[in-house]
Amino acid sequence: MIHLKSVREIDRMAVGGAILAGAHDQLAEAVKPGVSTLELDRIAEEYIRSHPGAKPSFKGLYGFPGSICASINNEIVHGIPSKKRVLRDGDIVSIDIGVFLEGYHTDSARTHAVGEIPEESARLLDATRRSLEAGLSAARAGNHIGDIGAAVQAVVESAGFSVVKDLVGHGIGESFHEEPQVPNFGKAQRGTRLVPGLTIAIEPMVNAGRPDTRTMPDRWTIVTVDGSRSAHFEHTVAITENGPRVLTASAQPRP
C-alpha cells in the first residue's frame, strides 16, 4: 500500500533530511586514505545523534550492525563498517545513510573518490550522479515510476555503463521501505503514477562492467560479479504540485 504524506509530514521529513545531508557533508571531509569505514561510521552516528531525537535508521534495521553502509570499489551496497576496511588512494567508497526523526525516515547515498582515482572511475561517478539528477527531474506529478527509471537508464547507458537491476529504490516515510519500488530502468509512462504526497528514494546503482550481482558470505555486502567498480547516489524526494522537492539536498555547494 502506498502512503501519501501531507505537507506537514513532508516538512517533518525535510528536517531529518537536512540532518542526513549534514552527515554526508561531514563524511565528505573525512574520506581520505588511511581512514577505516568503522571510523566513518562513528563520525556519522555521532553527528546524527547530536541532533535531539535523531537516530541512524540503519542501526539494527533487519539486523544490520552499522549506522552507515560503506561499500568500496566493486561493492555495490550494504558494506558493513569495519576497522579492517581501510581506504586507500585510488579507491571509491559509496556511503549510504538513513535518519529517523519524529516518526519518519529519510535516505541518501553518495560515492566518494579517495585521493586520485582512475579516469574510468571518475567517469563512473559523474555518470551516476547525472543519472540521479535525471531521475529527480522526472519525478513530477503526472509522470510514472517508469519515467524515472527510463531517465536514469538513458544517462547510464549513454555513458557506456550498466544499471544494476537486482536492486531498486523505494517509497519511504514512517517505514524505511514502503511501496512503490523505484527501479533504475524502465519505460516512460509505465508503472505507478506519481501524485503529490508520494515520497520516494531514487538511488541509481551503476556498474562499470556488467550489471550482474552476488551477495557475499556475510549475507549483507552485494558486489559486482565481474569485479568491476560500482557507484551509488541517492536522494529522498517528495512529489509536490510544484515539482520534485529533494528532502536530502546539501546546503553546501558540490565540489
Protein backbone atom coordinates (compact mmCIF):
# COMPACT_ATOMS: atom_id res chain seq x y z
CA MET A 1 0.00 0.00 0.00
CA ILE A 2 1.25 3.48 -0.89
CA HIS A 3 1.21 6.03 1.94
CA LEU A 4 0.85 9.62 0.76
CA LYS A 5 2.18 12.36 3.02
CA SER A 6 0.68 15.70 3.98
CA VAL A 7 2.63 18.94 3.52
CA ARG A 8 3.26 18.92 7.28
CA GLU A 9 4.64 15.38 7.15
CA ILE A 10 6.89 16.25 4.22
CA ASP A 11 8.18 19.28 6.13
CA ARG A 12 8.97 16.97 9.05
CA MET A 13 10.86 14.61 6.75
CA ALA A 14 12.82 17.57 5.39
CA VAL A 15 14.17 18.30 8.87
CA GLY A 16 15.56 14.78 9.08
CA GLY A 17 16.80 15.10 5.51
CA ALA A 18 18.79 18.20 6.41
CA ILE A 19 20.49 16.29 9.24
CA LEU A 20 21.24 13.47 6.82
CA ALA A 21 22.78 15.89 4.32
CA GLY A 22 24.91 17.33 7.10
CA ALA A 23 26.17 13.86 7.99
CA HIS A 24 27.18 13.32 4.37
CA ASP A 25 28.98 16.67 4.33
CA GLN A 26 30.92 15.65 7.46
CA LEU A 27 31.92 12.36 5.85
CA ALA A 28 32.98 14.05 2.62
CA GLU A 29 35.66 15.85 4.62
CA ALA A 30 36.67 12.67 6.47
CA VAL A 31 37.11 10.39 3.44
CA LYS A 32 40.83 10.05 2.76
CA PRO A 33 43.49 7.34 2.51
CA GLY A 34 44.12 5.61 5.84
CA VAL A 35 40.63 6.09 7.28
CA SER A 36 38.66 2.97 8.19
CA THR A 37 35.00 2.54 7.35
CA LEU A 38 34.35 1.98 11.07
CA GLU A 39 35.70 5.47 11.76
CA LEU A 40 33.35 6.87 9.12
CA ASP A 41 30.51 5.02 10.84
CA ARG A 42 31.44 6.62 14.17
CA ILE A 43 31.54 10.11 12.66
CA ALA A 44 28.12 9.69 11.06
CA GLU A 45 26.45 8.23 14.15
CA GLU A 46 27.83 10.91 16.46
CA TYR A 47 26.72 13.66 14.09
CA ILE A 48 23.21 12.26 13.68
CA ARG A 49 22.70 11.66 17.42
CA SER A 50 23.97 15.17 18.22
CA HIS A 51 20.59 16.40 16.94
CA PRO A 52 17.85 15.85 19.56
CA GLY A 53 15.64 12.91 18.70
CA ALA A 54 17.55 11.88 15.57
CA LYS A 55 18.74 8.29 15.16
CA PRO A 56 20.56 6.35 12.42
CA SER A 57 17.87 4.44 10.52
CA PHE A 58 20.21 1.61 9.55
CA LYS A 59 21.36 0.69 13.07
CA GLY A 60 19.59 -2.60 13.73
CA LEU A 61 17.41 -2.38 10.62
CA TYR A 62 16.79 -6.04 9.64
CA GLY A 63 19.74 -6.77 11.96
CA PHE A 64 22.29 -4.55 10.19
CA PRO A 65 25.14 -3.74 12.64
CA GLY A 66 26.23 -0.31 11.40
CA SER A 67 24.91 3.24 11.20
CA ILE A 68 26.08 3.55 7.58
CA CYS A 69 26.64 1.21 4.68
CA ALA A 70 30.19 1.70 3.37
CA SER A 71 30.88 -0.08 0.08
CA ILE A 72 34.34 0.03 -1.52
CA ASN A 73 35.18 -0.35 -5.23
CA ASN A 74 33.35 -3.45 -6.53
CA GLU A 75 30.94 -3.45 -3.57
CA ILE A 76 27.59 -2.11 -4.77
CA VAL A 77 25.71 -1.67 -1.47
CA HIS A 78 25.39 -2.83 2.15
CA GLY A 79 29.09 -2.93 3.02
CA ILE A 80 29.49 -3.41 6.79
CA PRO A 81 31.70 -0.83 8.53
CA SER A 82 34.90 -2.38 9.89
CA LYS A 83 38.20 -1.24 11.37
CA LYS A 84 39.83 -3.69 8.94
CA ARG A 85 38.40 -1.90 5.89
CA VAL A 86 40.86 0.96 5.42
CA LEU A 87 40.55 3.33 2.47
CA ARG A 88 43.46 3.53 0.04
CA ASP A 89 44.44 6.11 -2.53
CA GLY A 90 42.56 5.37 -5.76
CA ASP A 91 39.55 3.70 -4.09
CA ILE A 92 35.97 4.80 -4.44
CA VAL A 93 33.62 4.39 -1.48
CA SER A 94 29.82 4.55 -1.53
CA ILE A 95 28.26 5.71 1.74
CA ASP A 96 24.55 5.13 2.29
CA ILE A 97 22.86 6.67 5.35
CA GLY A 98 19.36 6.90 6.80
CA VAL A 99 17.99 9.19 9.51
CA PHE A 100 14.92 8.58 11.67
CA LEU A 101 13.39 11.68 13.26
CA GLU A 102 9.95 12.36 14.68
CA GLY A 103 8.48 9.19 13.23
CA TYR A 104 9.85 9.48 9.69
CA HIS A 105 12.85 8.15 7.77
CA THR A 106 14.97 9.74 5.06
CA ASP A 107 17.64 8.00 2.98
CA SER A 108 20.53 9.13 0.77
CA ALA A 109 23.86 7.96 -0.62
CA ARG A 110 26.98 9.44 -2.16
CA THR A 111 30.06 7.88 -3.71
CA HIS A 112 33.42 9.50 -2.95
CA ALA A 113 36.81 9.43 -4.61
CA VAL A 114 39.63 8.54 -2.23
CA GLY A 115 42.61 10.61 -3.34
CA GLU A 116 43.40 10.34 -7.05
CA ILE A 117 41.17 7.81 -8.81
CA PRO A 118 41.39 6.25 -12.30
CA GLU A 119 39.74 8.13 -15.17
CA GLU A 120 37.13 5.42 -15.69
CA SER A 121 36.13 5.64 -12.02
CA ALA A 122 35.79 9.41 -12.30
CA ARG A 123 33.52 8.95 -15.33
CA LEU A 124 31.51 6.34 -13.42
CA LEU A 125 30.89 8.74 -10.52
CA ASP A 126 29.94 11.55 -12.89
CA ALA A 127 27.53 9.40 -14.89
CA THR A 128 25.87 8.01 -11.76
CA ARG A 129 25.45 11.48 -10.27
CA ARG A 130 23.98 12.77 -13.53
CA SER A 131 21.62 9.79 -13.76
CA LEU A 132 20.27 10.65 -10.30
CA GLU A 133 19.71 14.24 -11.40
CA ALA A 134 17.84 12.96 -14.45
CA GLY A 135 15.69 10.70 -12.29
CA LEU A 136 14.88 13.56 -9.94
CA SER A 137 13.87 15.78 -12.86
CA ALA A 138 11.43 13.07 -14.00
CA ALA A 139 9.86 12.80 -10.53
CA ARG A 140 6.94 15.09 -11.32
CA ALA A 141 3.24 14.76 -10.65
CA GLY A 142 1.54 13.18 -13.65
CA ASN A 143 4.59 11.16 -14.66
CA HIS A 144 5.05 7.50 -13.77
CA ILE A 145 7.67 5.42 -11.97
CA GLY A 146 8.80 4.24 -15.41
CA ASP A 147 9.70 7.82 -16.37
CA ILE A 148 12.21 7.91 -13.52
CA GLY A 149 13.79 4.58 -14.46
CA ALA A 150 13.91 5.45 -18.16
CA ALA A 151 15.65 8.76 -17.40
CA VAL A 152 18.25 7.08 -15.18
CA GLN A 153 18.89 4.26 -17.63
CA ALA A 154 19.34 6.60 -20.59
CA VAL A 155 22.11 8.56 -18.88
CA VAL A 156 23.90 5.45 -17.60
CA GLU A 157 23.87 3.50 -20.84
CA SER A 158 24.83 6.50 -22.98
CA ALA A 159 27.96 6.74 -20.83
CA GLY A 160 28.81 3.08 -21.52
CA PHE A 161 27.96 1.74 -18.05
CA SER A 162 25.25 -0.64 -16.78
CA VAL A 163 22.33 -0.20 -14.40
CA VAL A 164 22.02 -2.70 -11.55
CA LYS A 165 18.62 -4.34 -11.98
CA ASP A 166 18.61 -6.63 -8.95
CA LEU A 167 18.30 -3.64 -6.58
CA VAL A 168 15.84 -0.75 -6.69
CA GLY A 169 14.78 2.44 -4.95
CA HIS A 170 11.67 2.56 -2.79
CA GLY A 171 8.96 4.51 -1.09
CA ILE A 172 9.91 5.87 2.33
CA GLY A 173 8.25 7.51 5.32
CA GLU A 174 7.07 6.02 8.60
CA SER A 175 8.61 2.76 7.39
CA PHE A 176 12.05 2.74 5.83
CA HIS A 177 10.90 0.64 2.89
CA GLU A 178 7.45 1.44 1.56
CA GLU A 179 5.67 0.96 -1.75
CA PRO A 180 6.26 1.61 -4.57
CA GLN A 181 9.51 0.11 -5.78
CA VAL A 182 11.54 2.55 -7.91
CA PRO A 183 13.67 0.70 -10.49
CA ASN A 184 16.56 2.46 -12.21
CA PHE A 185 15.39 1.18 -15.59
CA GLY A 186 12.10 1.00 -17.41
CA LYS A 187 9.81 2.59 -19.96
CA ALA A 188 8.27 6.03 -19.82
CA GLN A 189 4.59 6.28 -18.86
CA ARG A 190 4.63 2.81 -17.29
CA GLY A 191 4.14 1.86 -13.66
CA THR A 192 2.71 3.72 -10.69
CA ARG A 193 1.51 7.25 -11.41
CA LEU A 194 3.32 9.96 -9.45
CA VAL A 195 0.99 12.08 -7.34
CA PRO A 196 1.53 14.86 -4.78
CA GLY A 197 2.34 13.45 -1.35
CA LEU A 198 4.36 10.48 -2.60
CA THR A 199 7.82 10.27 -1.02
CA ILE A 200 10.41 8.02 -2.64
CA ALA A 201 14.12 7.25 -2.53
CA ILE A 202 15.66 7.38 -6.01
CA GLU A 203 19.01 5.58 -5.96
CA PRO A 204 20.90 4.69 -9.14
CA MET A 205 23.42 1.89 -8.61
CA VAL A 206 25.71 1.75 -11.60
CA ASN A 207 28.44 -0.73 -12.56
CA ALA A 208 31.41 -0.01 -14.78
CA GLY A 209 31.06 -3.53 -16.19
CA ARG A 210 28.19 -5.99 -16.29
CA PRO A 211 25.05 -5.43 -14.18
CA ASP A 212 25.20 -8.86 -12.50
CA THR A 213 25.44 -9.03 -8.70
CA ARG A 214 26.15 -11.54 -5.96
CA THR A 215 25.91 -11.48 -2.17
CA MET A 216 28.99 -12.14 -0.05
CA PRO A 217 29.11 -14.74 2.76
CA ASP A 218 28.38 -12.02 5.35
CA ARG A 219 24.87 -12.04 3.78
CA TRP A 220 24.90 -8.24 3.52
CA THR A 221 27.55 -6.99 1.12
CA ILE A 222 26.47 -7.10 -2.53
CA VAL A 223 29.25 -6.97 -5.13
CA THR A 224 29.66 -6.99 -8.91
CA VAL A 225 30.10 -10.47 -10.36
CA ASP A 226 32.84 -9.36 -12.76
CA GLY A 227 34.79 -7.36 -10.17
CA SER A 228 34.12 -4.02 -11.86
CA ARG A 229 33.63 -0.91 -9.77
CA SER A 230 30.20 0.36 -8.77
CA ALA A 231 28.84 3.79 -7.78
CA HIS A 232 25.70 4.77 -5.87
CA PHE A 233 23.98 8.13 -5.47
CA GLU A 234 20.59 8.63 -3.80
CA HIS A 235 18.13 11.26 -2.61
CA THR A 236 14.78 11.16 -0.86
CA VAL A 237 12.31 13.24 -2.86
CA ALA A 238 8.71 14.31 -2.36
CA ILE A 239 6.33 14.66 -5.29
CA THR A 240 4.57 18.03 -5.00
CA GLU A 241 2.25 20.11 -7.15
CA ASN A 242 5.20 22.46 -7.76
CA GLY A 243 7.64 19.77 -8.87
CA PRO A 244 10.05 17.42 -7.08
CA ARG A 245 11.21 18.51 -3.62
CA VAL A 246 14.55 16.95 -2.72
CA LEU A 247 14.47 16.37 1.04
CA THR A 248 18.11 15.31 1.48
CA ALA A 249 19.88 18.01 -0.55
CA SER A 250 23.02 19.54 0.95
CA ALA A 251 23.22 23.24 1.70
CA GLN A 252 26.88 23.11 0.73
CA PRO A 253 27.93 23.53 -2.92
CA ARG A 254 29.09 20.37 -4.65
CA PRO A 255 32.88 20.28 -5.21
